[in-house]
Amino acid sequence: MTKREPKSQPTWTDVKAKLAAFDRTALLDLLHHLYAAHKDNQTFLHARFGLGEDVLEPYKKTIDRWLWPDPFRNQDTSVSKAKQAIFHYKKAVGDSAGLTELLVFYCEQAAGYCQDIGYQEEGFFDALVLMFDQALKSANALPTSGRGSLIARLDRVRQISHAFGYGVGDDMDYLLAKYVKHPV
């Protein structure tokens, strides 16, 4: 008896072919079920369609949770889960101003947490410096009128980070000088 080869995993092409047969009502029903199935789907659709007062809020809550956990609840940090929130926003909307705001917020939360509780983990610091770099690049890509306050917030992160050691503040000094031609 020979083993059957397993079928390959379905792809977007397979799903798209099935969706082509749906009428408007069936497609809306499917979206309704996806919306009800998981909070992440709701967040994605709210962000995509610009619904709610602040589409960034759910993403900021996720970043805050994973970069500034509650030590009394025995919560851990997770750089990857915080970064995932930024990735999900980028997929949902891709608005460069909103994306930059999340990158800067990430840096503020990570630095604030380290300052608040004296957290010293080299991998966490490495991720902070990488995000600082991305935030500066992203801020520089915005129109001049929109970048000043973001750069000032990143400068505060840089100042805080000098107390961490591990060269974090020095790395941020270099990056700020590299991307910002005018002093903050």
N, C-alpha and C. Protein backbone atom coordinates (compact mmCIF):
# COMPACT_ATOMS: atom_id res chain seq x y z
N MET A 1 0.84 -1.16 0.00
CA MET A 1 0.00 0.00 0.00
C MET A 1 0.90 1.25 0.00
N THR A 2 0.69 2.13 -0.94
CA THR A 2 1.51 3.34 -1.02
C THR A 2 0.80 4.49 -0.33
N LYS A 3 1.64 5.36 0.23
CA LYS A 3 1.09 6.53 0.91
C LYS A 3 0.65 7.56 -0.12
N ARG A 4 -0.47 8.19 0.20
CA ARG A 4 -0.94 9.27 -0.67
C ARG A 4 -0.17 10.53 -0.34
N GLU A 5 0.18 11.26 -1.35
CA GLU A 5 0.86 12.52 -1.13
C GLU A 5 -0.14 13.52 -0.57
N PRO A 6 0.27 14.25 0.49
CA PRO A 6 -0.66 15.24 1.05
C PRO A 6 -0.90 16.38 0.06
N LYS A 7 -2.13 16.88 0.09
CA LYS A 7 -2.46 18.03 -0.75
C LYS A 7 -1.68 19.24 -0.25
N SER A 8 -1.33 20.08 -1.17
CA SER A 8 -0.65 21.30 -0.76
C SER A 8 -1.64 22.20 -0.04
N GLN A 9 -1.11 23.12 0.74
CA GLN A 9 -1.94 24.05 1.48
C GLN A 9 -2.67 24.99 0.52
N PRO A 10 -3.91 25.33 0.83
CA PRO A 10 -4.62 26.28 -0.02
C PRO A 10 -3.90 27.62 -0.04
N THR A 11 -4.04 28.33 -1.13
CA THR A 11 -3.40 29.63 -1.31
C THR A 11 -4.46 30.69 -1.56
N TRP A 12 -4.01 31.96 -1.64
CA TRP A 12 -4.93 33.05 -1.95
C TRP A 12 -5.62 32.80 -3.29
N THR A 13 -4.93 32.22 -4.25
CA THR A 13 -5.52 31.93 -5.56
C THR A 13 -6.73 31.01 -5.41
N ASP A 14 -6.61 30.00 -4.54
CA ASP A 14 -7.72 29.09 -4.30
C ASP A 14 -8.91 29.82 -3.68
N VAL A 15 -8.63 30.67 -2.70
CA VAL A 15 -9.69 31.43 -2.03
C VAL A 15 -10.34 32.38 -3.02
N LYS A 16 -9.53 33.07 -3.81
CA LYS A 16 -10.04 34.03 -4.79
C LYS A 16 -10.97 33.35 -5.80
N ALA A 17 -10.61 32.15 -6.20
CA ALA A 17 -11.45 31.41 -7.14
C ALA A 17 -12.83 31.11 -6.53
N LYS A 18 -12.85 30.77 -5.27
CA LYS A 18 -14.12 30.51 -4.58
C LYS A 18 -14.93 31.79 -4.42
N LEU A 19 -14.25 32.89 -4.10
CA LEU A 19 -14.94 34.17 -3.91
C LEU A 19 -15.57 34.69 -5.19
N ALA A 20 -15.00 34.33 -6.32
CA ALA A 20 -15.52 34.79 -7.60
C ALA A 20 -16.97 34.34 -7.82
N ALA A 21 -17.35 33.26 -7.18
CA ALA A 21 -18.71 32.73 -7.34
C ALA A 21 -19.71 33.41 -6.39
N PHE A 22 -19.25 34.21 -5.45
CA PHE A 22 -20.12 34.85 -4.46
C PHE A 22 -20.84 36.05 -5.08
N ASP A 23 -22.09 36.21 -4.71
CA ASP A 23 -22.79 37.44 -5.06
C ASP A 23 -22.57 38.45 -3.92
N ARG A 24 -23.08 39.64 -4.06
CA ARG A 24 -22.87 40.71 -3.08
C ARG A 24 -23.35 40.29 -1.69
N THR A 25 -24.50 39.69 -1.59
CA THR A 25 -25.06 39.29 -0.30
C THR A 25 -24.18 38.25 0.38
N ALA A 26 -23.74 37.27 -0.38
CA ALA A 26 -22.89 36.21 0.18
C ALA A 26 -21.54 36.78 0.63
N LEU A 27 -21.01 37.72 -0.15
CA LEU A 27 -19.73 38.33 0.21
C LEU A 27 -19.86 39.16 1.50
N LEU A 28 -20.94 39.93 1.62
CA LEU A 28 -21.19 40.69 2.85
C LEU A 28 -21.38 39.76 4.05
N ASP A 29 -22.07 38.65 3.83
CA ASP A 29 -22.27 37.68 4.91
C ASP A 29 -20.92 37.10 5.36
N LEU A 30 -20.07 36.78 4.42
CA LEU A 30 -18.74 36.26 4.75
C LEU A 30 -17.95 37.30 5.55
N LEU A 31 -17.96 38.56 5.09
CA LEU A 31 -17.26 39.61 5.81
C LEU A 31 -17.83 39.80 7.22
N HIS A 32 -19.13 39.68 7.35
CA HIS A 32 -19.76 39.79 8.66
C HIS A 32 -19.26 38.69 9.59
N HIS A 33 -19.17 37.47 9.08
CA HIS A 33 -18.68 36.36 9.90
C HIS A 33 -17.20 36.54 10.27
N LEU A 34 -16.41 37.02 9.33
CA LEU A 34 -15.00 37.29 9.64
C LEU A 34 -14.89 38.40 10.69
N TYR A 35 -15.71 39.42 10.56
CA TYR A 35 -15.71 40.53 11.52
C TYR A 35 -16.06 40.03 12.92
N ALA A 36 -17.05 39.16 13.01
CA ALA A 36 -17.48 38.65 14.31
C ALA A 36 -16.53 37.59 14.87
N ALA A 37 -15.73 36.97 14.03
CA ALA A 37 -14.90 35.85 14.45
C ALA A 37 -13.73 36.25 15.35
N HIS A 38 -13.17 37.44 15.12
CA HIS A 38 -11.96 37.78 15.88
C HIS A 38 -11.80 39.29 15.96
N LYS A 39 -11.34 39.75 17.11
CA LYS A 39 -11.14 41.18 17.35
C LYS A 39 -10.12 41.77 16.38
N ASP A 40 -9.10 41.00 16.00
CA ASP A 40 -8.11 41.49 15.05
C ASP A 40 -8.74 41.84 13.70
N ASN A 41 -9.72 41.04 13.28
CA ASN A 41 -10.42 41.34 12.03
C ASN A 41 -11.19 42.64 12.14
N GLN A 42 -11.82 42.87 13.30
CA GLN A 42 -12.54 44.12 13.53
C GLN A 42 -11.58 45.30 13.48
N THR A 43 -10.46 45.17 14.16
CA THR A 43 -9.47 46.24 14.18
C THR A 43 -8.98 46.55 12.78
N PHE A 44 -8.71 45.52 12.00
CA PHE A 44 -8.25 45.68 10.62
C PHE A 44 -9.28 46.44 9.80
N LEU A 45 -10.53 46.02 9.87
CA LEU A 45 -11.58 46.66 9.07
C LEU A 45 -11.85 48.09 9.54
N HIS A 46 -11.82 48.32 10.83
CA HIS A 46 -12.01 49.68 11.34
C HIS A 46 -10.90 50.60 10.82
N ALA A 47 -9.68 50.11 10.87
CA ALA A 47 -8.54 50.90 10.39
C ALA A 47 -8.62 51.12 8.88
N ARG A 48 -8.92 50.06 8.15
CA ARG A 48 -8.98 50.15 6.68
C ARG A 48 -10.00 51.19 6.23
N PHE A 49 -11.15 51.22 6.92
CA PHE A 49 -12.23 52.12 6.51
C PHE A 49 -12.26 53.42 7.32
N GLY A 50 -11.27 53.62 8.17
CA GLY A 50 -11.18 54.85 8.94
C GLY A 50 -12.35 55.04 9.90
N LEU A 51 -12.80 53.97 10.50
CA LEU A 51 -13.94 54.03 11.41
C LEU A 51 -13.46 54.23 12.84
N GLY A 52 -14.20 54.98 13.59
CA GLY A 52 -13.83 55.25 14.98
C GLY A 52 -13.08 56.56 15.09
N GLU A 53 -12.96 57.01 16.31
CA GLU A 53 -12.30 58.30 16.56
C GLU A 53 -10.80 58.23 16.32
N ASP A 54 -10.16 57.16 16.74
CA ASP A 54 -8.71 57.04 16.60
C ASP A 54 -8.37 55.63 16.15
N VAL A 55 -8.10 55.46 14.86
CA VAL A 55 -7.81 54.13 14.34
C VAL A 55 -6.48 53.59 14.87
N LEU A 56 -5.62 54.46 15.39
CA LEU A 56 -4.33 54.01 15.93
C LEU A 56 -4.46 53.42 17.33
N GLU A 57 -5.52 53.75 18.03
CA GLU A 57 -5.66 53.36 19.44
C GLU A 57 -5.50 51.86 19.70
N PRO A 58 -6.17 50.98 18.95
CA PRO A 58 -5.98 49.54 19.24
C PRO A 58 -4.54 49.07 19.03
N TYR A 59 -3.87 49.65 18.05
CA TYR A 59 -2.47 49.29 17.79
C TYR A 59 -1.57 49.81 18.91
N LYS A 60 -1.86 51.02 19.38
CA LYS A 60 -1.09 51.58 20.50
C LYS A 60 -1.31 50.75 21.77
N LYS A 61 -2.52 50.29 21.98
CA LYS A 61 -2.79 49.46 23.17
C LYS A 61 -1.96 48.18 23.11
N THR A 62 -1.87 47.59 21.94
CA THR A 62 -1.08 46.36 21.79
C THR A 62 0.40 46.65 22.03
N ILE A 63 0.90 47.73 21.46
CA ILE A 63 2.31 48.09 21.67
C ILE A 63 2.56 48.34 23.15
N ASP A 64 1.68 49.10 23.77
CA ASP A 64 1.81 49.40 25.20
C ASP A 64 1.82 48.13 26.04
N ARG A 65 0.92 47.21 25.73
CA ARG A 65 0.83 45.96 26.50
C ARG A 65 2.14 45.18 26.44
N TRP A 66 2.74 45.10 25.26
CA TRP A 66 3.91 44.24 25.10
C TRP A 66 5.23 44.92 25.41
N LEU A 67 5.24 46.26 25.40
CA LEU A 67 6.49 46.96 25.73
C LEU A 67 6.51 47.53 27.14
N TRP A 68 5.34 47.64 27.76
CA TRP A 68 5.27 48.17 29.12
C TRP A 68 4.31 47.30 29.91
N PRO A 69 4.68 46.03 30.12
CA PRO A 69 3.79 45.10 30.81
C PRO A 69 3.62 45.44 32.29
N ASP A 70 2.57 44.92 32.85
CA ASP A 70 2.28 45.14 34.27
C ASP A 70 3.04 44.08 35.08
N PRO A 71 4.06 44.48 35.83
CA PRO A 71 4.84 43.49 36.59
C PRO A 71 4.02 42.84 37.70
N PHE A 72 2.97 43.51 38.17
CA PHE A 72 2.13 42.93 39.23
C PHE A 72 1.21 41.84 38.69
N ARG A 73 1.04 41.81 37.38
CA ARG A 73 0.23 40.76 36.74
C ARG A 73 1.12 39.66 36.17
N ASN A 74 2.40 39.76 36.42
CA ASN A 74 3.36 38.77 35.93
C ASN A 74 3.39 38.70 34.40
N GLN A 75 3.24 39.85 33.75
CA GLN A 75 3.25 39.91 32.29
C GLN A 75 4.69 40.05 31.79
N ASP A 76 4.93 39.52 30.62
CA ASP A 76 6.24 39.58 29.98
C ASP A 76 6.25 40.66 28.90
N THR A 77 7.45 41.04 28.48
CA THR A 77 7.60 41.90 27.30
C THR A 77 7.66 41.01 26.06
N SER A 78 7.32 41.58 24.93
CA SER A 78 7.47 40.87 23.67
C SER A 78 7.68 41.89 22.55
N VAL A 79 8.91 42.01 22.12
CA VAL A 79 9.24 42.91 21.03
C VAL A 79 8.50 42.47 19.76
N SER A 80 8.47 41.18 19.50
CA SER A 80 7.85 40.70 18.26
C SER A 80 6.35 40.98 18.23
N LYS A 81 5.67 40.86 19.35
CA LYS A 81 4.23 41.14 19.37
C LYS A 81 3.95 42.64 19.25
N ALA A 82 4.82 43.46 19.80
CA ALA A 82 4.68 44.91 19.64
C ALA A 82 4.92 45.31 18.18
N LYS A 83 5.95 44.73 17.58
CA LYS A 83 6.23 45.02 16.17
C LYS A 83 5.11 44.51 15.26
N GLN A 84 4.51 43.42 15.66
CA GLN A 84 3.41 42.84 14.88
C GLN A 84 2.24 43.83 14.77
N ALA A 85 1.98 44.59 15.83
CA ALA A 85 0.91 45.58 15.78
C ALA A 85 1.20 46.62 14.70
N ILE A 86 2.45 47.04 14.59
CA ILE A 86 2.84 48.01 13.57
C ILE A 86 2.68 47.40 12.18
N PHE A 87 3.08 46.16 12.02
CA PHE A 87 2.94 45.45 10.75
C PHE A 87 1.46 45.34 10.36
N HIS A 88 0.61 45.02 11.33
CA HIS A 88 -0.82 44.89 11.04
C HIS A 88 -1.43 46.22 10.61
N TYR A 89 -1.02 47.30 11.27
CA TYR A 89 -1.51 48.62 10.86
C TYR A 89 -1.06 48.92 9.43
N LYS A 90 0.19 48.63 9.14
CA LYS A 90 0.73 48.89 7.80
C LYS A 90 -0.06 48.13 6.74
N LYS A 91 -0.43 46.91 7.04
CA LYS A 91 -1.22 46.10 6.11
C LYS A 91 -2.65 46.64 5.97
N ALA A 92 -3.20 47.10 7.08
CA ALA A 92 -4.59 47.57 7.07
C ALA A 92 -4.73 48.92 6.37
N VAL A 93 -3.81 49.84 6.63
CA VAL A 93 -3.97 51.20 6.14
C VAL A 93 -2.76 51.65 5.31
N GLY A 94 -1.58 51.51 5.89
CA GLY A 94 -0.37 51.92 5.19
C GLY A 94 -0.16 53.42 5.16
N ASP A 95 -0.96 54.19 5.89
CA ASP A 95 -0.81 55.63 5.96
C ASP A 95 0.53 55.97 6.61
N SER A 96 1.38 56.72 5.92
CA SER A 96 2.73 56.97 6.42
C SER A 96 2.75 57.80 7.71
N ALA A 97 1.83 58.74 7.85
CA ALA A 97 1.79 59.53 9.09
C ALA A 97 1.39 58.65 10.27
N GLY A 98 0.39 57.81 10.09
CA GLY A 98 -0.03 56.90 11.16
C GLY A 98 1.05 55.88 11.49
N LEU A 99 1.69 55.37 10.46
CA LEU A 99 2.78 54.41 10.67
C LEU A 99 3.92 55.05 11.45
N THR A 100 4.29 56.26 11.10
CA THR A 100 5.36 56.96 11.81
C THR A 100 4.97 57.20 13.26
N GLU A 101 3.73 57.57 13.49
CA GLU A 101 3.25 57.77 14.86
C GLU A 101 3.42 56.49 15.68
N LEU A 102 3.10 55.35 15.09
CA LEU A 102 3.26 54.07 15.81
C LEU A 102 4.73 53.75 16.07
N LEU A 103 5.59 54.04 15.11
CA LEU A 103 7.02 53.79 15.30
C LEU A 103 7.57 54.65 16.44
N VAL A 104 7.18 55.91 16.47
CA VAL A 104 7.64 56.81 17.54
C VAL A 104 7.05 56.37 18.87
N PHE A 105 5.78 56.00 18.87
CA PHE A 105 5.13 55.53 20.09
C PHE A 105 5.84 54.30 20.64
N TYR A 106 6.22 53.39 19.75
CA TYR A 106 6.98 52.19 20.15
C TYR A 106 8.24 52.62 20.90
N CYS A 107 8.99 53.55 20.32
CA CYS A 107 10.24 54.02 20.95
C CYS A 107 9.97 54.65 22.31
N GLU A 108 8.92 55.45 22.39
CA GLU A 108 8.58 56.09 23.67
C GLU A 108 8.22 55.05 24.73
N GLN A 109 7.44 54.07 24.36
CA GLN A 109 7.02 53.05 25.32
C GLN A 109 8.21 52.21 25.78
N ALA A 110 9.03 51.78 24.83
CA ALA A 110 10.17 50.94 25.18
C ALA A 110 11.14 51.69 26.09
N ALA A 111 11.46 52.93 25.73
CA ALA A 111 12.39 53.71 26.55
C ALA A 111 11.77 54.05 27.90
N GLY A 112 10.50 54.38 27.90
CA GLY A 112 9.81 54.71 29.15
C GLY A 112 9.78 53.55 30.11
N TYR A 113 9.53 52.36 29.59
CA TYR A 113 9.51 51.16 30.42
C TYR A 113 10.89 50.89 31.03
N CYS A 114 11.92 50.98 30.21
CA CYS A 114 13.28 50.75 30.70
C CYS A 114 13.64 51.77 31.78
N GLN A 115 13.26 53.02 31.56
CA GLN A 115 13.54 54.06 32.54
C GLN A 115 12.74 53.84 33.82
N ASP A 116 11.48 53.46 33.67
CA ASP A 116 10.57 53.33 34.81
C ASP A 116 10.99 52.21 35.77
N ILE A 117 11.33 51.05 35.21
CA ILE A 117 11.63 49.93 36.09
C ILE A 117 13.09 49.49 36.06
N GLY A 118 13.91 50.19 35.29
CA GLY A 118 15.32 49.82 35.21
C GLY A 118 15.53 48.55 34.41
N TYR A 119 14.66 48.30 33.44
CA TYR A 119 14.76 47.09 32.62
C TYR A 119 16.01 47.16 31.76
N GLN A 120 16.84 46.11 31.81
CA GLN A 120 18.08 46.07 31.05
C GLN A 120 18.21 44.73 30.37
N GLU A 121 17.79 44.69 29.14
CA GLU A 121 17.89 43.46 28.35
C GLU A 121 18.45 43.86 26.99
N GLU A 122 19.57 43.32 26.64
CA GLU A 122 20.28 43.75 25.45
C GLU A 122 19.45 43.60 24.17
N GLY A 123 18.72 42.52 24.03
CA GLY A 123 17.88 42.32 22.85
C GLY A 123 16.78 43.37 22.75
N PHE A 124 16.23 43.75 23.89
CA PHE A 124 15.21 44.79 23.95
C PHE A 124 15.81 46.13 23.49
N PHE A 125 17.03 46.42 23.95
CA PHE A 125 17.71 47.65 23.55
C PHE A 125 18.04 47.64 22.06
N ASP A 126 18.49 46.49 21.55
CA ASP A 126 18.79 46.39 20.12
C ASP A 126 17.55 46.68 19.28
N ALA A 127 16.42 46.12 19.71
CA ALA A 127 15.16 46.36 19.00
C ALA A 127 14.75 47.82 19.07
N LEU A 128 15.00 48.45 20.22
CA LEU A 128 14.67 49.86 20.38
C LEU A 128 15.50 50.72 19.42
N VAL A 129 16.78 50.44 19.31
CA VAL A 129 17.65 51.22 18.41
C VAL A 129 17.21 51.01 16.96
N LEU A 130 16.89 49.79 16.58
CA LEU A 130 16.41 49.52 15.21
C LEU A 130 15.11 50.26 14.93
N MET A 131 14.21 50.28 15.90
CA MET A 131 12.94 50.97 15.72
C MET A 131 13.16 52.48 15.68
N PHE A 132 14.09 52.97 16.48
CA PHE A 132 14.45 54.39 16.46
C PHE A 132 14.93 54.78 15.06
N ASP A 133 15.75 53.94 14.47
CA ASP A 133 16.25 54.16 13.11
C ASP A 133 15.08 54.21 12.12
N GLN A 134 14.18 53.25 12.21
CA GLN A 134 13.02 53.22 11.31
C GLN A 134 12.13 54.44 11.51
N ALA A 135 11.94 54.84 12.77
CA ALA A 135 11.10 55.99 13.06
C ALA A 135 11.70 57.27 12.46
N LEU A 136 13.01 57.43 12.58
CA LEU A 136 13.66 58.60 12.00
C LEU A 136 13.53 58.61 10.48
N LYS A 137 13.75 57.48 9.84
CA LYS A 137 13.60 57.39 8.38
C LYS A 137 12.18 57.72 7.97
N SER A 138 11.23 57.16 8.68
CA SER A 138 9.82 57.37 8.37
C SER A 138 9.42 58.83 8.59
N ALA A 139 9.89 59.42 9.68
CA ALA A 139 9.58 60.84 9.96
C ALA A 139 10.17 61.73 8.87
N ASN A 140 11.37 61.43 8.42
CA ASN A 140 12.01 62.24 7.38
C ASN A 140 11.29 62.14 6.04
N ALA A 141 10.53 61.09 5.83
CA ALA A 141 9.79 60.93 4.58
C ALA A 141 8.47 61.71 4.60
N LEU A 142 8.08 62.21 5.76
CA LEU A 142 6.84 62.99 5.88
C LEU A 142 7.08 64.42 5.40
N PRO A 143 6.01 65.13 5.07
CA PRO A 143 6.16 66.55 4.75
C PRO A 143 6.79 67.29 5.94
N THR A 144 7.53 68.33 5.66
CA THR A 144 8.25 69.08 6.68
C THR A 144 7.34 69.50 7.83
N SER A 145 6.12 69.89 7.52
CA SER A 145 5.20 70.37 8.55
C SER A 145 4.81 69.29 9.55
N GLY A 146 4.90 68.03 9.17
CA GLY A 146 4.48 66.95 10.05
C GLY A 146 5.57 66.27 10.84
N ARG A 147 6.82 66.65 10.59
CA ARG A 147 7.89 65.88 11.22
C ARG A 147 8.50 66.49 12.47
N GLY A 148 8.39 67.77 12.68
CA GLY A 148 9.06 68.45 13.79
C GLY A 148 8.71 67.87 15.15
N SER A 149 7.44 67.69 15.44
CA SER A 149 7.05 67.17 16.75
C SER A 149 7.47 65.72 16.92
N LEU A 150 7.47 64.96 15.84
CA LEU A 150 7.89 63.56 15.91
C LEU A 150 9.39 63.47 16.21
N ILE A 151 10.18 64.30 15.55
CA ILE A 151 11.62 64.32 15.79
C ILE A 151 11.90 64.76 17.22
N ALA A 152 11.13 65.73 17.72
CA ALA A 152 11.32 66.18 19.11
C ALA A 152 11.01 65.05 20.08
N ARG A 153 9.98 64.27 19.81
CA ARG A 153 9.66 63.13 20.67
C ARG A 153 10.76 62.09 20.62
N LEU A 154 11.32 61.85 19.44
CA LEU A 154 12.43 60.91 19.32
C LEU A 154 13.67 61.43 20.03
N ASP A 155 13.87 62.72 20.01
CA ASP A 155 15.00 63.30 20.73
C ASP A 155 14.86 63.06 22.23
N ARG A 156 13.63 63.14 22.75
CA ARG A 156 13.41 62.84 24.18
C ARG A 156 13.74 61.37 24.47
N VAL A 157 13.37 60.49 23.55
CA VAL A 157 13.71 59.07 23.71
C VAL A 157 15.23 58.92 23.74
N ARG A 158 15.92 59.61 22.86
CA ARG A 158 17.39 59.55 22.80
C ARG A 158 17.99 60.02 24.13
N GLN A 159 17.48 61.11 24.66
CA GLN A 159 17.99 61.64 25.93
C GLN A 159 17.79 60.64 27.07
N ILE A 160 16.61 60.06 27.15
CA ILE A 160 16.32 59.04 28.18
C ILE A 160 17.26 57.86 28.04
N SER A 161 17.53 57.47 26.81
CA SER A 161 18.29 56.25 26.52
C SER A 161 19.76 56.34 26.89
N HIS A 162 20.27 57.53 27.11
CA HIS A 162 21.67 57.67 27.53
C HIS A 162 21.90 57.04 28.90
N ALA A 163 20.86 56.90 29.68
CA ALA A 163 21.01 56.32 31.03
C ALA A 163 21.05 54.79 31.00
N PHE A 164 20.78 54.17 29.87
CA PHE A 164 20.66 52.71 29.82
C PHE A 164 21.99 51.99 29.73
N GLY A 165 23.00 52.63 29.21
CA GLY A 165 24.24 51.92 28.96
C GLY A 165 24.15 51.15 27.66
N TYR A 166 25.02 50.20 27.48
CA TYR A 166 25.05 49.34 26.29
C TYR A 166 25.22 50.13 24.99
N GLY A 167 25.56 51.41 25.07
CA GLY A 167 25.74 52.23 23.87
C GLY A 167 24.44 52.67 23.20
N VAL A 168 23.31 52.46 23.88
CA VAL A 168 22.01 52.78 23.28
C VAL A 168 21.93 54.27 22.93
N GLY A 169 22.24 55.13 23.88
CA GLY A 169 22.19 56.57 23.64
C GLY A 169 23.17 57.00 22.57
N ASP A 170 24.36 56.42 22.57
CA ASP A 170 25.37 56.76 21.57
C ASP A 170 24.89 56.38 20.16
N ASP A 171 24.29 55.20 20.05
CA ASP A 171 23.75 54.77 18.76
C ASP A 171 22.67 55.73 18.28
N MET A 172 21.84 56.18 19.21
CA MET A 172 20.77 57.11 18.86
C MET A 172 21.33 58.48 18.50
N ASP A 173 22.40 58.90 19.17
CA ASP A 173 23.07 60.17 18.81
C ASP A 173 23.50 60.10 17.34
N TYR A 174 24.15 59.01 16.99
CA TYR A 174 24.63 58.83 15.62
C TYR A 174 23.48 58.87 14.62
N LEU A 175 22.41 58.14 14.93
CA LEU A 175 21.27 58.08 14.00
C LEU A 175 20.59 59.44 13.87
N LEU A 176 20.42 60.13 14.97
CA LEU A 176 19.78 61.44 14.91
C LEU A 176 20.62 62.40 14.06
N ALA A 177 21.93 62.38 14.24
CA ALA A 177 22.82 63.24 13.44
C ALA A 177 22.79 62.85 11.97
N LYS A 178 22.64 61.57 11.70
CA LYS A 178 22.61 61.07 10.33
C LYS A 178 21.35 61.51 9.58
N TYR A 179 20.20 61.49 10.25
CA TYR A 179 18.93 61.76 9.58
C TYR A 179 18.39 63.16 9.77
N VAL A 180 18.80 63.84 10.82
CA VAL A 180 18.27 65.16 11.08
C VAL A 180 19.38 66.18 10.90
N LYS A 181 19.24 66.98 9.88
CA LYS A 181 20.29 67.96 9.55
C LYS A 181 20.20 69.22 10.40
N HIS A 182 19.02 69.49 10.92
CA HIS A 182 18.83 70.68 11.75
C HIS A 182 18.65 70.24 13.19
N PRO A 183 19.31 70.86 14.15
CA PRO A 183 19.17 70.47 15.56
C PRO A 183 17.71 70.57 16.00
N VAL A 184 17.37 69.70 16.93
CA VAL A 184 16.00 69.68 17.46
C VAL A 184 15.81 70.78 18.46
